[in-house]
Amino acid sequence: MSRLAERGAHFSGQRVLPAIRKIRDVDDLVASELHYVVFLDLHLGQVQALAKLMRQHGKKILLHADLIQGLKNDQYAAEFLCQQIRPDGLISTRADVLKTAKQHEVLAIQRLFLLDTIALETSFQLARKVEPDYIEVLPGVIPQYVDIVKQETGIPVIAGGLIKSSVEMEQILTAGAEAITTSRKELWSGAAPRTSF
């Protein structure tokens, strides 16, 4: 396990990482006891204000660097995010973004898409090269791949995508995921930190 992942104690025991797609969902999270939040699909002009708001309420921000509109997904964009926005983590499929995050001691979370065997092997090669702090497996509704990815890479896994029920959520967590990411607000209620590991 990486130093940063170890220091983060797997998101302070938070098992569900709420993923924000709509700005109107921010109010629900500000008032919650949740610590970690994932931001998807933001416009560049929104990022600074949202990061400031979240920090004022003691939240830790995981930014999906590949989905920030108005910002090219490259090393320079990652530099900008790390230096100006200062998120707690960057999520990306790109090696240069993940390496930049690590250089700035920001959690590097590699997105891995379960498309086919070739895509899986390519993602494993990237993980060996970059050594991200976490790997996010998508779609998360294929729990047997949580263990496969963990065994192949030795890196803690989170899972997201197409998770629709608390039953699916429990299956994924039981399979060994440290947490799940979801934009489904009805699943956020299971997001409170655990008191023990």
Protein backbone atom coordinates (compact mmCIF):
# COMPACT_ATOMS: atom_id res chain seq x y z
CA MET A 1 0.00 0.00 0.00
CA SER A 2 1.28 3.47 -0.83
CA ARG A 3 2.32 5.93 1.84
CA LEU A 4 -0.54 8.31 1.00
CA ALA A 5 -3.15 5.57 0.94
CA GLU A 6 -1.84 4.37 4.30
CA ARG A 7 -1.92 7.91 5.71
CA GLY A 8 -5.49 8.31 4.43
CA ALA A 9 -6.54 5.15 6.32
CA HIS A 10 -8.80 4.35 3.40
CA PHE A 11 -10.89 7.53 3.45
CA SER A 12 -11.16 7.60 7.26
CA GLY A 13 -13.38 4.52 7.10
CA GLN A 14 -15.94 6.16 4.81
CA ARG A 15 -17.31 3.34 2.66
CA VAL A 16 -19.30 5.39 0.15
CA LEU A 17 -17.74 8.33 -1.67
CA PRO A 18 -20.57 10.53 -2.93
CA ALA A 19 -19.95 11.63 -6.50
CA ILE A 20 -21.37 15.04 -7.35
CA ARG A 21 -22.67 15.53 -10.88
CA LYS A 22 -25.07 18.41 -10.18
CA ILE A 23 -24.24 21.55 -8.24
CA ARG A 24 -27.59 21.37 -6.43
CA ASP A 25 -26.34 18.23 -4.64
CA VAL A 26 -23.58 20.20 -2.92
CA ASP A 27 -25.93 21.53 -0.20
CA ASP A 28 -26.79 17.99 0.91
CA LEU A 29 -23.11 17.17 1.37
CA VAL A 30 -22.15 20.39 3.11
CA ALA A 31 -24.60 19.59 5.91
CA SER A 32 -23.60 15.91 6.14
CA GLU A 33 -21.06 14.14 8.34
CA LEU A 34 -19.25 12.80 5.26
CA HIS A 35 -15.59 13.72 4.87
CA TYR A 36 -14.67 12.72 1.30
CA VAL A 37 -16.51 13.89 -1.82
CA VAL A 38 -15.87 13.17 -5.51
CA PHE A 39 -16.51 15.93 -8.05
CA LEU A 40 -17.40 14.84 -11.59
CA ASP A 41 -18.15 16.88 -14.67
CA LEU A 42 -17.42 20.39 -13.39
CA HIS A 43 -16.81 23.53 -15.41
CA LEU A 44 -13.40 25.05 -14.75
CA GLY A 45 -15.06 28.24 -13.49
CA GLN A 46 -16.83 26.29 -10.70
CA VAL A 47 -13.87 24.38 -9.31
CA GLN A 48 -12.20 27.04 -7.14
CA ALA A 49 -15.41 28.20 -5.43
CA LEU A 50 -16.61 24.63 -4.77
CA ALA A 51 -13.23 23.59 -3.39
CA LYS A 52 -13.25 26.60 -1.04
CA LEU A 53 -16.80 25.84 0.12
CA MET A 54 -15.99 22.19 0.78
CA ARG A 55 -12.84 23.05 2.72
CA GLN A 56 -14.77 25.54 4.86
CA HIS A 57 -16.99 22.63 5.89
CA GLY A 58 -14.11 20.24 6.57
CA LYS A 59 -14.58 18.15 3.42
CA LYS A 60 -11.85 16.41 1.44
CA ILE A 61 -12.13 16.77 -2.32
CA LEU A 62 -11.37 14.15 -4.96
CA LEU A 63 -11.46 15.80 -8.40
CA HIS A 64 -11.99 13.85 -11.58
CA ALA A 65 -9.31 15.59 -13.66
CA ASP A 66 -10.48 14.02 -16.94
CA LEU A 67 -13.97 15.53 -16.63
CA ILE A 68 -13.27 19.18 -15.86
CA GLN A 69 -14.72 21.14 -18.76
CA GLY A 70 -12.50 23.90 -20.07
CA LEU A 71 -9.29 22.23 -18.91
CA LYS A 72 -7.15 20.01 -21.09
CA ASN A 73 -6.42 16.66 -19.49
CA ASP A 74 -2.62 16.73 -19.31
CA GLN A 75 0.32 17.25 -16.97
CA TYR A 76 -0.04 21.04 -17.03
CA ALA A 77 -3.71 20.86 -16.10
CA ALA A 78 -2.77 18.55 -13.22
CA GLU A 79 -0.08 21.04 -12.13
CA PHE A 80 -2.68 23.81 -12.13
CA LEU A 81 -5.16 21.73 -10.12
CA CYS A 82 -2.55 20.65 -7.56
CA GLN A 83 -1.10 24.13 -7.10
CA GLN A 84 -4.19 26.34 -7.37
CA ILE A 85 -7.12 24.17 -6.27
CA ARG A 86 -5.17 21.85 -3.95
CA PRO A 87 -7.57 18.87 -3.97
CA ASP A 88 -7.00 15.89 -1.69
CA GLY A 89 -7.02 13.57 -4.70
CA LEU A 90 -7.03 13.51 -8.50
CA ILE A 91 -8.80 10.79 -10.47
CA SER A 92 -7.61 10.07 -14.01
CA THR A 93 -6.87 7.44 -16.64
CA ARG A 94 -3.71 9.31 -17.69
CA ALA A 95 -0.22 8.47 -16.43
CA ASP A 96 1.06 12.06 -16.57
CA VAL A 97 -1.86 13.35 -14.47
CA LEU A 98 -1.39 10.59 -11.88
CA LYS A 99 2.37 11.13 -11.69
CA THR A 100 1.87 14.87 -11.22
CA ALA A 101 -0.60 14.21 -8.40
CA LYS A 102 1.94 11.97 -6.67
CA GLN A 103 4.67 14.59 -7.04
CA HIS A 104 2.43 17.06 -5.21
CA GLU A 105 1.49 14.51 -2.53
CA VAL A 106 -2.11 14.46 -3.72
CA LEU A 107 -3.86 11.07 -3.79
CA ALA A 108 -3.52 9.58 -7.28
CA ILE A 109 -6.54 7.47 -8.21
CA GLN A 110 -6.30 5.58 -11.49
CA ARG A 111 -9.58 4.85 -13.25
CA LEU A 112 -9.65 1.36 -14.74
CA PHE A 113 -12.43 0.44 -17.17
CA LEU A 114 -13.40 -3.23 -17.47
CA LEU A 115 -13.89 -3.18 -21.24
CA ASP A 116 -12.01 -6.28 -22.32
CA THR A 117 -8.83 -8.26 -21.62
CA ILE A 118 -6.62 -5.87 -23.59
CA ALA A 119 -7.93 -2.82 -21.71
CA LEU A 120 -7.42 -4.65 -18.42
CA GLU A 121 -3.82 -5.57 -19.23
CA THR A 122 -3.09 -2.03 -20.42
CA SER A 123 -4.46 -0.68 -17.14
CA PHE A 124 -2.34 -3.16 -15.16
CA GLN A 125 0.77 -1.96 -17.04
CA LEU A 126 -0.12 1.64 -16.23
CA ALA A 127 -0.64 0.77 -12.55
CA ARG A 128 2.76 -0.95 -12.39
CA LYS A 129 4.41 2.07 -14.02
CA VAL A 130 2.67 4.83 -12.03
CA GLU A 131 1.89 3.02 -8.73
CA PRO A 132 -1.22 5.08 -7.94
CA ASP A 133 -2.54 5.26 -4.40
CA TYR A 134 -5.86 3.69 -5.43
CA ILE A 135 -7.46 2.15 -8.48
CA GLU A 136 -11.10 2.87 -9.23
CA VAL A 137 -12.66 -0.09 -11.06
CA LEU A 138 -15.55 0.69 -13.42
CA PRO A 139 -18.17 -0.59 -13.68
CA GLY A 140 -18.25 -1.49 -10.02
CA VAL A 141 -21.10 -3.97 -10.42
CA ILE A 142 -18.66 -6.73 -11.35
CA PRO A 143 -17.38 -7.48 -7.82
CA GLN A 144 -15.16 -10.42 -8.77
CA TYR A 145 -12.84 -7.98 -10.56
CA VAL A 146 -12.21 -6.04 -7.36
CA ASP A 147 -10.15 -8.95 -6.05
CA ILE A 148 -8.53 -9.64 -9.44
CA VAL A 149 -7.32 -6.03 -9.70
CA LYS A 150 -6.08 -6.02 -6.09
CA GLN A 151 -4.21 -9.29 -6.58
CA GLU A 152 -2.66 -8.22 -9.87
CA THR A 153 -1.55 -4.76 -8.74
CA GLY A 154 -1.27 -4.87 -4.95
CA ILE A 155 -3.06 -1.49 -4.87
CA PRO A 156 -6.23 -0.75 -2.85
CA VAL A 157 -9.37 -0.67 -4.98
CA ILE A 158 -12.48 1.48 -4.99
CA ALA A 159 -15.36 0.74 -7.34
CA GLY A 160 -17.92 2.88 -9.13
CA GLY A 161 -20.38 2.90 -11.96
CA LEU A 162 -23.80 1.29 -12.42
CA ILE A 163 -24.23 0.56 -8.71
CA LYS A 164 -27.97 0.83 -8.10
CA SER A 165 -28.72 -0.80 -4.75
CA SER A 166 -27.40 -1.29 -1.24
CA VAL A 167 -27.23 -5.04 -1.99
CA GLU A 168 -24.82 -4.41 -4.89
CA MET A 169 -22.89 -1.99 -2.71
CA GLU A 170 -22.44 -4.63 0.01
CA GLN A 171 -21.35 -7.25 -2.55
CA ILE A 172 -18.66 -4.91 -3.85
CA LEU A 173 -17.42 -4.01 -0.36
CA THR A 174 -17.44 -7.69 0.65
CA ALA A 175 -15.35 -8.45 -2.46
CA GLY A 176 -12.63 -6.23 -1.00
CA ALA A 177 -13.26 -2.70 -2.26
CA GLU A 178 -12.18 -0.05 0.21
CA ALA A 179 -15.11 2.15 -0.84
CA ILE A 180 -17.54 2.75 -3.66
CA THR A 181 -18.19 5.94 -5.60
CA THR A 182 -21.76 6.72 -6.56
CA SER A 183 -23.83 9.67 -7.71
CA ARG A 184 -27.02 7.96 -6.44
CA LYS A 185 -28.08 10.05 -3.45
CA GLU A 186 -30.17 7.23 -2.01
CA LEU A 187 -26.96 5.23 -1.43
CA TRP A 188 -25.15 8.07 0.35
CA SER A 189 -26.88 7.27 3.63
CA GLY A 190 -24.59 4.25 3.96
CA ALA A 191 -21.62 6.57 3.62
CA ALA A 192 -20.94 7.44 7.25
CA PRO A 193 -17.48 6.44 8.44
CA ARG A 194 -17.07 3.11 10.17
CA THR A 195 -15.74 3.27 13.71
CA SER A 196 -13.50 0.23 13.30
CA PHE A 197 -11.75 -1.64 10.49
